[in-house]
Amino acid sequence: MSSSGTCVGLNKGFPVEKRNVPKRPSQNKTKLSKRNAMVRDLVGEVMGMAPYEKRLLDMLKVSGASADKRMYKFAKRRLGSHKRALKKREKVKEMYSKMRAKAAMHN
């Protein structure tokens, strides 16, 4: 919305040209490059899971589908934020489903 030059209303204010400001580096932080994704995947493969991730996986194995809330609460305590906890819970669920699929193929 551009300013209309009036002193009242939704478009109040002096009419000026909108500046084209370049993105800040902090706004690019969420993008994951192919190389970083590959490195993270490799490190996860080599190092395995952290102890708290193993506990999350154990909760999932023991309680099954009803473990969602407990897993979320545990992950939130360890990671500190809602978004991170949800992301970690989904990641652990995905890992568990891959493990089960792999086990089913061998049997």
PDB file of N, CA and C in Angstrom:
ATOM      1  N   MET A   1       0.829  -1.181   0.000  1.00  0.00           N
ATOM      2  CA  MET A   1       0.000   0.000   0.000  1.00  0.00           C
ATOM      3  C   MET A   1       0.872   1.242   0.000  1.00  0.00           C
ATOM      4  N   SER A   2       0.571   2.155  -0.876  1.00  0.00           N
ATOM      5  CA  SER A   2       1.361   3.370  -0.934  1.00  0.00           C
ATOM      6  C   SER A   2       0.677   4.476  -0.148  1.00  0.00           C
ATOM      7  N   SER A   3       1.468   5.421   0.286  1.00  0.00           N
ATOM      8  CA  SER A   3       0.937   6.552   1.051  1.00  0.00           C
ATOM      9  C   SER A   3       0.203   7.504   0.121  1.00  0.00           C
ATOM     10  N   SER A   4      -0.835   8.152   0.664  1.00  0.00           N
ATOM     11  CA  SER A   4      -1.668   9.021  -0.170  1.00  0.00           C
ATOM     12  C   SER A   4      -1.345  10.500  -0.005  1.00  0.00           C
ATOM     13  N   GLY A   5      -0.582  10.842   1.006  1.00  0.00           N
ATOM     14  CA  GLY A   5      -0.267  12.245   1.240  1.00  0.00           C
ATOM     15  C   GLY A   5      -1.195  12.896   2.244  1.00  0.00           C
ATOM     16  N   THR A   6      -2.207  12.172   2.714  1.00  0.00           N
ATOM     17  CA  THR A   6      -3.102  12.730   3.729  1.00  0.00           C
ATOM     18  C   THR A   6      -2.588  12.360   5.117  1.00  0.00           C
ATOM     19  N   CYS A   7      -3.089  13.091   6.135  1.00  0.00           N
ATOM     20  CA  CYS A   7      -2.592  12.851   7.492  1.00  0.00           C
ATOM     21  C   CYS A   7      -3.470  11.880   8.277  1.00  0.00           C
ATOM     22  N   VAL A   8      -4.567  11.400   7.671  1.00  0.00           N
ATOM     23  CA  VAL A   8      -5.426  10.434   8.357  1.00  0.00           C
ATOM     24  C   VAL A   8      -5.770   9.277   7.421  1.00  0.00           C
ATOM     25  N   GLY A   9      -6.238   8.181   7.984  1.00  0.00           N
ATOM     26  CA  GLY A   9      -6.675   7.050   7.170  1.00  0.00           C
ATOM     27  C   GLY A   9      -5.644   5.944   7.088  1.00  0.00           C
ATOM     28  N   LEU A  10      -5.999   4.917   6.349  1.00  0.00           N
ATOM     29  CA  LEU A  10      -5.119   3.753   6.228  1.00  0.00           C
ATOM     30  C   LEU A  10      -3.828   4.073   5.493  1.00  0.00           C
ATOM     31  N   ASN A  11      -3.906   4.910   4.475  1.00  0.00           N
ATOM     32  CA  ASN A  11      -2.727   5.231   3.650  1.00  0.00           C
ATOM     33  C   ASN A  11      -2.103   6.555   4.018  1.00  0.00           C
ATOM     34  N   LYS A  12      -2.184   6.954   5.290  1.00  0.00           N
ATOM     35  CA  LYS A  12      -1.661   8.265   5.679  1.00  0.00           C
ATOM     36  C   LYS A  12      -0.145   8.298   5.558  1.00  0.00           C
ATOM     37  N   GLY A  13       0.383   9.491   5.410  1.00  0.00           N
ATOM     38  CA  GLY A  13       1.827   9.672   5.347  1.00  0.00           C
ATOM     39  C   GLY A  13       2.289  10.280   4.044  1.00  0.00           C
ATOM     40  N   PHE A  14       3.533  10.724   4.050  1.00  0.00           N
ATOM     41  CA  PHE A  14       4.121  11.362   2.881  1.00  0.00           C
ATOM     42  C   PHE A  14       4.395  10.300   1.822  1.00  0.00           C
ATOM     43  N   PRO A  15       3.972  10.562   0.566  1.00  0.00           N
ATOM     44  CA  PRO A  15       4.214   9.546  -0.483  1.00  0.00           C
ATOM     45  C   PRO A  15       5.695   9.471  -0.854  1.00  0.00           C
ATOM     46  N   VAL A  16       6.293   8.314  -0.684  1.00  0.00           N
ATOM     47  CA  VAL A  16       7.708   8.108  -1.011  1.00  0.00           C
ATOM     48  C   VAL A  16       7.845   6.860  -1.873  1.00  0.00           C
ATOM     49  N   GLU A  17       8.969   6.789  -2.563  1.00  0.00           N
ATOM     50  CA  GLU A  17       9.232   5.616  -3.400  1.00  0.00           C
ATOM     51  C   GLU A  17       9.764   4.489  -2.528  1.00  0.00           C
ATOM     52  N   LYS A  18       9.259   3.287  -2.729  1.00  0.00           N
ATOM     53  CA  LYS A  18       9.671   2.124  -1.944  1.00  0.00           C
ATOM     54  C   LYS A  18      11.094   1.736  -2.331  1.00  0.00           C
ATOM     55  N   ARG A  19      11.967   1.609  -1.307  1.00  0.00           N
ATOM     56  CA  ARG A  19      13.352   1.219  -1.554  1.00  0.00           C
ATOM     57  C   ARG A  19      13.452  -0.282  -1.761  1.00  0.00           C
ATOM     58  N   ASN A  20      14.367  -0.681  -2.653  1.00  0.00           N
ATOM     59  CA  ASN A  20      14.625  -2.094  -2.887  1.00  0.00           C
ATOM     60  C   ASN A  20      15.825  -2.494  -2.030  1.00  0.00           C
ATOM     61  N   VAL A  21      15.571  -3.070  -0.862  1.00  0.00           N
ATOM     62  CA  VAL A  21      16.628  -3.387   0.084  1.00  0.00           C
ATOM     63  C   VAL A  21      17.049  -4.847  -0.092  1.00  0.00           C
ATOM     64  N   PRO A  22      18.356  -5.119  -0.197  1.00  0.00           N
ATOM     65  CA  PRO A  22      18.799  -6.511  -0.365  1.00  0.00           C
ATOM     66  C   PRO A  22      18.540  -7.330   0.898  1.00  0.00           C
ATOM     67  N   LYS A  23      18.457  -8.656   0.728  1.00  0.00           N
ATOM     68  CA  LYS A  23      18.219  -9.547   1.857  1.00  0.00           C
ATOM     69  C   LYS A  23      19.402  -9.526   2.810  1.00  0.00           C
ATOM     70  N   ARG A  24      19.094  -9.664   4.095  1.00  0.00           N
ATOM     71  CA  ARG A  24      20.157  -9.784   5.096  1.00  0.00           C
ATOM     72  C   ARG A  24      20.601 -11.248   5.150  1.00  0.00           C
ATOM     73  N   PRO A  25      21.844 -11.481   5.545  1.00  0.00           N
ATOM     74  CA  PRO A  25      22.308 -12.869   5.636  1.00  0.00           C
ATOM     75  C   PRO A  25      21.465 -13.716   6.593  1.00  0.00           C
ATOM     76  N   SER A  26      20.930 -13.095   7.635  1.00  0.00           N
ATOM     77  CA  SER A  26      20.131 -13.839   8.608  1.00  0.00           C
ATOM     78  C   SER A  26      18.840 -14.371   7.994  1.00  0.00           C
ATOM     79  N   GLN A  27      18.384 -13.763   6.913  1.00  0.00           N
ATOM     80  CA  GLN A  27      17.162 -14.222   6.261  1.00  0.00           C
ATOM     81  C   GLN A  27      17.416 -15.433   5.362  1.00  0.00           C
ATOM     82  N   ASN A  28      18.662 -15.699   5.038  1.00  0.00           N
ATOM     83  CA  ASN A  28      19.012 -16.854   4.211  1.00  0.00           C
ATOM     84  C   ASN A  28      19.353 -18.072   5.061  1.00  0.00           C
ATOM     85  N   LYS A  29      19.316 -17.912   6.378  1.00  0.00           N
ATOM     86  CA  LYS A  29      19.783 -18.949   7.279  1.00  0.00           C
ATOM     87  C   LYS A  29      18.995 -20.255   7.159  1.00  0.00           C
ATOM     88  N   THR A  30      17.717 -20.156   6.825  1.00  0.00           N
ATOM     89  CA  THR A  30      16.888 -21.353   6.790  1.00  0.00           C
ATOM     90  C   THR A  30      17.157 -22.243   5.581  1.00  0.00           C
ATOM     91  N   LYS A  31      17.785 -21.710   4.548  1.00  0.00           N
ATOM     92  CA  LYS A  31      18.069 -22.521   3.366  1.00  0.00           C
ATOM     93  C   LYS A  31      19.185 -23.515   3.667  1.00  0.00           C
ATOM     94  N   LEU A  32      18.982 -24.751   3.242  1.00  0.00           N
ATOM     95  CA  LEU A  32      19.979 -25.790   3.450  1.00  0.00           C
ATOM     96  C   LEU A  32      20.575 -26.167   2.103  1.00  0.00           C
ATOM     97  N   SER A  33      21.890 -25.986   1.966  1.00  0.00           N
ATOM     98  CA  SER A  33      22.529 -26.313   0.699  1.00  0.00           C
ATOM     99  C   SER A  33      22.686 -27.823   0.564  1.00  0.00           C
ATOM    100  N   LYS A  34      22.902 -28.273  -0.657  1.00  0.00           N
ATOM    101  CA  LYS A  34      23.066 -29.710  -0.912  1.00  0.00           C
ATOM    102  C   LYS A  34      24.261 -30.266  -0.139  1.00  0.00           C
ATOM    103  N   ARG A  35      25.332 -29.480  -0.123  1.00  0.00           N
ATOM    104  CA  ARG A  35      26.558 -29.926   0.541  1.00  0.00           C
ATOM    105  C   ARG A  35      26.335 -30.082   2.047  1.00  0.00           C
ATOM    106  N   ASN A  36      25.695 -29.075   2.669  1.00  0.00           N
ATOM    107  CA  ASN A  36      25.448 -29.148   4.103  1.00  0.00           C
ATOM    108  C   ASN A  36      24.518 -30.311   4.450  1.00  0.00           C
ATOM    109  N   ALA A  37      23.521 -30.533   3.612  1.00  0.00           N
ATOM    110  CA  ALA A  37      22.597 -31.644   3.844  1.00  0.00           C
ATOM    111  C   ALA A  37      23.348 -32.971   3.788  1.00  0.00           C
ATOM    112  N   MET A  38      24.242 -33.102   2.816  1.00  0.00           N
ATOM    113  CA  MET A  38      25.025 -34.326   2.659  1.00  0.00           C
ATOM    114  C   MET A  38      25.956 -34.527   3.863  1.00  0.00           C
ATOM    115  N   VAL A  39      26.594 -33.444   4.311  1.00  0.00           N
ATOM    116  CA  VAL A  39      27.513 -33.528   5.450  1.00  0.00           C
ATOM    117  C   VAL A  39      26.753 -33.933   6.710  1.00  0.00           C
ATOM    118  N   ARG A  40      25.593 -33.314   6.944  1.00  0.00           N
ATOM    119  CA  ARG A  40      24.791 -33.648   8.129  1.00  0.00           C
ATOM    120  C   ARG A  40      24.355 -35.110   8.102  1.00  0.00           C
ATOM    121  N   ASP A  41      23.967 -35.566   6.921  1.00  0.00           N
ATOM    122  CA  ASP A  41      23.539 -36.951   6.762  1.00  0.00           C
ATOM    123  C   ASP A  41      24.692 -37.905   7.058  1.00  0.00           C
ATOM    124  N   LEU A  42      25.864 -37.591   6.546  1.00  0.00           N
ATOM    125  CA  LEU A  42      27.049 -38.416   6.749  1.00  0.00           C
ATOM    126  C   LEU A  42      27.451 -38.448   8.225  1.00  0.00           C
ATOM    127  N   VAL A  43      27.440 -37.288   8.866  1.00  0.00           N
ATOM    128  CA  VAL A  43      27.801 -37.220  10.290  1.00  0.00           C
ATOM    129  C   VAL A  43      26.807 -38.029  11.119  1.00  0.00           C
ATOM    130  N   GLY A  44      25.522 -37.915  10.799  1.00  0.00           N
ATOM    131  CA  GLY A  44      24.511 -38.693  11.513  1.00  0.00           C
ATOM    132  C   GLY A  44      24.706 -40.186  11.335  1.00  0.00           C
ATOM    133  N   GLU A  45      25.138 -40.582  10.147  1.00  0.00           N
ATOM    134  CA  GLU A  45      25.383 -41.993   9.846  1.00  0.00           C
ATOM    135  C   GLU A  45      26.586 -42.521  10.618  1.00  0.00           C
ATOM    136  N   VAL A  46      27.644 -41.726  10.663  1.00  0.00           N
ATOM    137  CA  VAL A  46      28.886 -42.156  11.311  1.00  0.00           C
ATOM    138  C   VAL A  46      28.763 -42.118  12.834  1.00  0.00           C
ATOM    139  N   MET A  47      28.220 -41.028  13.357  1.00  0.00           N
ATOM    140  CA  MET A  47      28.175 -40.828  14.805  1.00  0.00           C
ATOM    141  C   MET A  47      26.998 -41.544  15.479  1.00  0.00           C
ATOM    142  N   GLY A  48      25.960 -41.821  14.725  1.00  0.00           N
ATOM    143  CA  GLY A  48      24.783 -42.436  15.328  1.00  0.00           C
ATOM    144  C   GLY A  48      23.925 -41.380  16.012  1.00  0.00           C
ATOM    145  N   MET A  49      23.089 -41.836  16.932  1.00  0.00           N
ATOM    146  CA  MET A  49      22.171 -40.922  17.601  1.00  0.00           C
ATOM    147  C   MET A  49      22.725 -40.448  18.937  1.00  0.00           C
ATOM    148  N   ALA A  50      22.301 -39.246  19.328  1.00  0.00           N
ATOM    149  CA  ALA A  50      22.638 -38.729  20.650  1.00  0.00           C
ATOM    150  C   ALA A  50      21.818 -39.493  21.685  1.00  0.00           C
ATOM    151  N   PRO A  51      22.271 -39.511  22.937  1.00  0.00           N
ATOM    152  CA  PRO A  51      21.535 -40.249  23.963  1.00  0.00           C
ATOM    153  C   PRO A  51      20.061 -39.840  24.102  1.00  0.00           C
ATOM    154  N   TYR A  52      19.779 -38.529  23.986  1.00  0.00           N
ATOM    155  CA  TYR A  52      18.380 -38.108  24.119  1.00  0.00           C
ATOM    156  C   TYR A  52      17.547 -38.586  22.916  1.00  0.00           C
ATOM    157  N   GLU A  53      18.187 -38.703  21.747  1.00  0.00           N
ATOM    158  CA  GLU A  53      17.481 -39.222  20.566  1.00  0.00           C
ATOM    159  C   GLU A  53      17.174 -40.712  20.745  1.00  0.00           C
ATOM    160  N   LYS A  54      18.088 -41.422  21.379  1.00  0.00           N
ATOM    161  CA  LYS A  54      17.857 -42.839  21.666  1.00  0.00           C
ATOM    162  C   LYS A  54      16.685 -43.005  22.624  1.00  0.00           C
ATOM    163  N   ARG A  55      16.580 -42.097  23.590  1.00  0.00           N
ATOM    164  CA  ARG A  55      15.454 -42.151  24.522  1.00  0.00           C
ATOM    165  C   ARG A  55      14.138 -41.871  23.809  1.00  0.00           C
ATOM    166  N   LEU A  56      14.174 -40.915  22.870  1.00  0.00           N
ATOM    167  CA  LEU A  56      12.975 -40.628  22.073  1.00  0.00           C
ATOM    168  C   LEU A  56      12.553 -41.856  21.277  1.00  0.00           C
ATOM    169  N   LEU A  57      13.528 -42.509  20.676  1.00  0.00           N
ATOM    170  CA  LEU A  57      13.259 -43.711  19.890  1.00  0.00           C
ATOM    171  C   LEU A  57      12.694 -44.822  20.771  1.00  0.00           C
ATOM    172  N   ASP A  58      13.251 -44.942  21.976  1.00  0.00           N
ATOM    173  CA  ASP A  58      12.767 -45.951  22.918  1.00  0.00           C
ATOM    174  C   ASP A  58      11.315 -45.673  23.320  1.00  0.00           C
ATOM    175  N   MET A  59      10.988 -44.400  23.544  1.00  0.00           N
ATOM    176  CA  MET A  59       9.605 -44.019  23.867  1.00  0.00           C
ATOM    177  C   MET A  59       8.670 -44.453  22.746  1.00  0.00           C
ATOM    178  N   LEU A  60       9.111 -44.238  21.520  1.00  0.00           N
ATOM    179  CA  LEU A  60       8.296 -44.587  20.353  1.00  0.00           C
ATOM    180  C   LEU A  60       8.112 -46.103  20.263  1.00  0.00           C
ATOM    181  N   LYS A  61       9.187 -46.862  20.515  1.00  0.00           N
ATOM    182  CA  LYS A  61       9.124 -48.314  20.450  1.00  0.00           C
ATOM    183  C   LYS A  61       8.181 -48.881  21.514  1.00  0.00           C
ATOM    184  N   VAL A  62       8.279 -48.349  22.726  1.00  0.00           N
ATOM    185  CA  VAL A  62       7.501 -48.870  23.841  1.00  0.00           C
ATOM    186  C   VAL A  62       6.030 -48.470  23.744  1.00  0.00           C
ATOM    187  N   SER A  63       5.774 -47.178  23.520  1.00  0.00           N
ATOM    188  CA  SER A  63       4.396 -46.679  23.568  1.00  0.00           C
ATOM    189  C   SER A  63       3.701 -46.658  22.217  1.00  0.00           C
ATOM    190  N   GLY A  64       4.429 -46.722  21.149  1.00  0.00           N
ATOM    191  CA  GLY A  64       3.831 -46.697  19.815  1.00  0.00           C
ATOM    192  C   GLY A  64       3.256 -45.343  19.465  1.00  0.00           C
ATOM    193  N   ALA A  65       2.039 -45.318  18.922  1.00  0.00           N
ATOM    194  CA  ALA A  65       1.433 -44.080  18.431  1.00  0.00           C
ATOM    195  C   ALA A  65       1.051 -43.131  19.560  1.00  0.00           C
ATOM    196  N   SER A  66       0.820 -43.659  20.773  1.00  0.00           N
ATOM    197  CA  SER A  66       0.398 -42.813  21.887  1.00  0.00           C
ATOM    198  C   SER A  66       1.569 -42.028  22.494  1.00  0.00           C
ATOM    199  N   ALA A  67       2.767 -42.230  21.993  1.00  0.00           N
ATOM    200  CA  ALA A  67       3.950 -41.591  22.569  1.00  0.00           C
ATOM    201  C   ALA A  67       4.173 -40.172  22.070  1.00  0.00           C
ATOM    202  N   ASP A  68       3.379 -39.717  21.117  1.00  0.00           N
ATOM    203  CA  ASP A  68       3.603 -38.408  20.487  1.00  0.00           C
ATOM    204  C   ASP A  68       3.780 -37.279  21.488  1.00  0.00           C
ATOM    205  N   LYS A  69       2.842 -37.174  22.430  1.00  0.00           N
ATOM    206  CA  LYS A  69       2.874 -36.053  23.369  1.00  0.00           C
ATOM    207  C   LYS A  69       4.100 -36.149  24.286  1.00  0.00           C
ATOM    208  N   ARG A  70       4.379 -37.345  24.783  1.00  0.00           N
ATOM    209  CA  ARG A  70       5.533 -37.514  25.670  1.00  0.00           C
ATOM    210  C   ARG A  70       6.827 -37.232  24.936  1.00  0.00           C
ATOM    211  N   MET A  71       6.914 -37.697  23.693  1.00  0.00           N
ATOM    212  CA  MET A  71       8.108 -37.441  22.887  1.00  0.00           C
ATOM    213  C   MET A  71       8.293 -35.947  22.679  1.00  0.00           C
ATOM    214  N   TYR A  72       7.183 -35.262  22.370  1.00  0.00           N
ATOM    215  CA  TYR A  72       7.241 -33.816  22.142  1.00  0.00           C
ATOM    216  C   TYR A  72       7.722 -33.097  23.390  1.00  0.00           C
ATOM    217  N   LYS A  73       7.145 -33.429  24.544  1.00  0.00           N
ATOM    218  CA  LYS A  73       7.498 -32.750  25.794  1.00  0.00           C
ATOM    219  C   LYS A  73       8.967 -32.984  26.140  1.00  0.00           C
ATOM    220  N   PHE A  74       9.419 -34.227  25.955  1.00  0.00           N
ATOM    221  CA  PHE A  74      10.813 -34.558  26.244  1.00  0.00           C
ATOM    222  C   PHE A  74      11.752 -33.793  25.318  1.00  0.00           C
ATOM    223  N   ALA A  75      11.431 -33.799  24.013  1.00  0.00           N
ATOM    224  CA  ALA A  75      12.281 -33.103  23.032  1.00  0.00           C
ATOM    225  C   ALA A  75      12.286 -31.603  23.290  1.00  0.00           C
ATOM    226  N   LYS A  76      11.149 -31.052  23.683  1.00  0.00           N
ATOM    227  CA  LYS A  76      11.065 -29.611  23.947  1.00  0.00           C
ATOM    228  C   LYS A  76      11.947 -29.236  25.133  1.00  0.00           C
ATOM    229  N   ARG A  77      11.955 -30.091  26.154  1.00  0.00           N
ATOM    230  CA  ARG A  77      12.810 -29.824  27.314  1.00  0.00           C
ATOM    231  C   ARG A  77      14.284 -29.831  26.909  1.00  0.00           C
ATOM    232  N   ARG A  78      14.646 -30.755  26.032  1.00  0.00           N
ATOM    233  CA  ARG A  78      16.057 -30.887  25.643  1.00  0.00           C
ATOM    234  C   ARG A  78      16.483 -29.843  24.619  1.00  0.00           C
ATOM    235  N   LEU A  79      15.593 -29.495  23.708  1.00  0.00           N
ATOM    236  CA  LEU A  79      15.975 -28.621  22.599  1.00  0.00           C
ATOM    237  C   LEU A  79      15.587 -27.156  22.820  1.00  0.00           C
ATOM    238  N   GLY A  80      14.605 -26.911  23.663  1.00  0.00           N
ATOM    239  CA  GLY A  80      14.301 -25.538  24.042  1.00  0.00           C
ATOM    240  C   GLY A  80      13.198 -24.827  23.285  1.00  0.00           C
ATOM    241  N   SER A  81      12.749 -25.337  22.144  1.00  0.00           N
ATOM    242  CA  SER A  81      11.691 -24.619  21.436  1.00  0.00           C
ATOM    243  C   SER A  81      10.679 -25.586  20.827  1.00  0.00           C
ATOM    244  N   HIS A  82       9.490 -25.065  20.594  1.00  0.00           N
ATOM    245  CA  HIS A  82       8.376 -25.833  20.052  1.00  0.00           C
ATOM    246  C   HIS A  82       8.706 -26.394  18.663  1.00  0.00           C
ATOM    247  N   LYS A  83       9.192 -25.507  17.787  1.00  0.00           N
ATOM    248  CA  LYS A  83       9.486 -25.914  16.409  1.00  0.00           C
ATOM    249  C   LYS A  83      10.553 -27.000  16.346  1.00  0.00           C
ATOM    250  N   ARG A  84      11.614 -26.816  17.111  1.00  0.00           N
ATOM    251  CA  ARG A  84      12.698 -27.796  17.113  1.00  0.00           C
ATOM    252  C   ARG A  84      12.225 -29.149  17.628  1.00  0.00           C
ATOM    253  N   ALA A  85      11.369 -29.099  18.653  1.00  0.00           N
ATOM    254  CA  ALA A  85      10.851 -30.343  19.225  1.00  0.00           C
ATOM    255  C   ALA A  85       9.999 -31.095  18.206  1.00  0.00           C
ATOM    256  N   LEU A  86       9.129 -30.371  17.498  1.00  0.00           N
ATOM    257  CA  LEU A  86       8.284 -31.012  16.492  1.00  0.00           C
ATOM    258  C   LEU A  86       9.132 -31.624  15.376  1.00  0.00           C
ATOM    259  N   LYS A  87      10.138 -30.870  14.946  1.00  0.00           N
ATOM    260  CA  LYS A  87      11.008 -31.327  13.869  1.00  0.00           C
ATOM    261  C   LYS A  87      11.773 -32.594  14.286  1.00  0.00           C
ATOM    262  N   LYS A  88      12.284 -32.575  15.518  1.00  0.00           N
ATOM    263  CA  LYS A  88      13.055 -33.721  16.018  1.00  0.00           C
ATOM    264  C   LYS A  88      12.157 -34.944  16.172  1.00  0.00           C
ATOM    265  N   ARG A  89      10.924 -34.745  16.660  1.00  0.00           N
ATOM    266  CA  ARG A  89       9.987 -35.853  16.820  1.00  0.00           C
ATOM    267  C   ARG A  89       9.706 -36.509  15.468  1.00  0.00           C
ATOM    268  N   GLU A  90       9.479 -35.677  14.437  1.00  0.00           N
ATOM    269  CA  GLU A  90       9.214 -36.219  13.106  1.00  0.00           C
ATOM    270  C   GLU A  90      10.436 -36.947  12.555  1.00  0.00           C
ATOM    271  N   LYS A  91      11.624 -36.407  12.837  1.00  0.00           N
ATOM    272  CA  LYS A  91      12.857 -37.032  12.358  1.00  0.00           C
ATOM    273  C   LYS A  91      13.040 -38.414  12.984  1.00  0.00           C
ATOM    274  N   VAL A  92      12.781 -38.505  14.292  1.00  0.00           N
ATOM    275  CA  VAL A  92      12.930 -39.791  14.991  1.00  0.00           C
ATOM    276  C   VAL A  92      11.887 -40.793  14.490  1.00  0.00           C
ATOM    277  N   LYS A  93      10.661 -40.327  14.255  1.00  0.00           N
ATOM    278  CA  LYS A  93       9.616 -41.202  13.710  1.00  0.00           C
ATOM    279  C   LYS A  93      10.020 -41.735  12.345  1.00  0.00           C
ATOM    280  N   GLU A  94      10.582 -40.855  11.522  1.00  0.00           N
ATOM    281  CA  GLU A  94      11.023 -41.242  10.182  1.00  0.00           C
ATOM    282  C   GLU A  94      12.138 -42.286  10.266  1.00  0.00           C
ATOM    283  N   MET A  95      13.097 -42.057  11.188  1.00  0.00           N
ATOM    284  CA  MET A  95      14.190 -43.006  11.374  1.00  0.00           C
ATOM    285  C   MET A  95      13.655 -44.372  11.806  1.00  0.00           C
ATOM    286  N   TYR A  96      12.668 -44.358  12.695  1.00  0.00           N
ATOM    287  CA  TYR A  96      12.077 -45.613  13.194  1.00  0.00           C
ATOM    288  C   TYR A  96      11.369 -46.362  12.075  1.00  0.00           C
ATOM    289  N   SER A  97      10.649 -45.613  11.229  1.00  0.00           N
ATOM    290  CA  SER A  97       9.945 -46.267  10.122  1.00  0.00           C
ATOM    291  C   SER A  97      10.939 -46.868   9.124  1.00  0.00           C
ATOM    292  N   LYS A  98      12.062 -46.184   8.902  1.00  0.00           N
ATOM    293  CA  LYS A  98      13.102 -46.730   8.021  1.00  0.00           C
ATOM    294  C   LYS A  98      13.707 -47.995   8.610  1.00  0.00           C
ATOM    295  N   MET A  99      13.934 -47.967   9.940  1.00  0.00           N
ATOM    296  CA  MET A  99      14.493 -49.133  10.624  1.00  0.00           C
ATOM    297  C   MET A  99      13.545 -50.333  10.515  1.00  0.00           C
ATOM    298  N   ARG A 100      12.263 -50.088  10.675  1.00  0.00           N
ATOM    299  CA  ARG A 100      11.264 -51.175  10.594  1.00  0.00           C
ATOM    300  C   ARG A 100      11.170 -51.717   9.172  1.00  0.00           C
ATOM    301  N   ALA A 101      11.244 -50.799   8.186  1.00  0.00           N
ATOM    302  CA  ALA A 101      11.175 -51.234   6.786  1.00  0.00           C
ATOM    303  C   ALA A 101      12.396 -52.086   6.435  1.00  0.00           C
ATOM    304  N   LYS A 102      13.553 -51.667   6.956  1.00  0.00           N
ATOM    305  CA  LYS A 102      14.788 -52.415   6.698  1.00  0.00           C
ATOM    306  C   LYS A 102      14.717 -53.803   7.329  1.00  0.00           C
ATOM    307  N   ALA A 103      14.180 -53.872   8.556  1.00  0.00           N
ATOM    308  CA  ALA A 103      14.039 -55.153   9.257  1.00  0.00           C
ATOM    309  C   ALA A 103      13.049 -56.057   8.555  1.00  0.00           C
ATOM    310  N   ALA A 104      11.999 -55.466   8.007  1.00  0.00           N
ATOM    311  CA  ALA A 104      10.978 -56.255   7.299  1.00  0.00           C
ATOM    312  C   ALA A 104      11.545 -56.842   6.001  1.00  0.00           C
ATOM    313  N   MET A 105      12.448 -56.108   5.369  1.00  0.00           N
ATOM    314  CA  MET A 105      13.048 -56.609   4.125  1.00  0.00           C
ATOM    315  C   MET A 105      13.953 -57.810   4.389  1.00  0.00           C
ATOM    316  N   HIS A 106      14.643 -57.813   5.541  1.00  0.00           N
ATOM    317  CA  HIS A 106      15.557 -58.918   5.854  1.00  0.00           C
ATOM    318  C   HIS A 106      14.830 -60.163   6.296  1.00  0.00           C
ATOM    319  N   ASN A 107      13.620 -60.008   6.802  1.00  0.00           N
ATOM    320  CA  ASN A 107      12.856 -61.188   7.264  1.00  0.00           C
ATOM    321  C   ASN A 107      11.978 -61.775   6.188  1.00  0.00           C
TER     322      ASN A 107
END
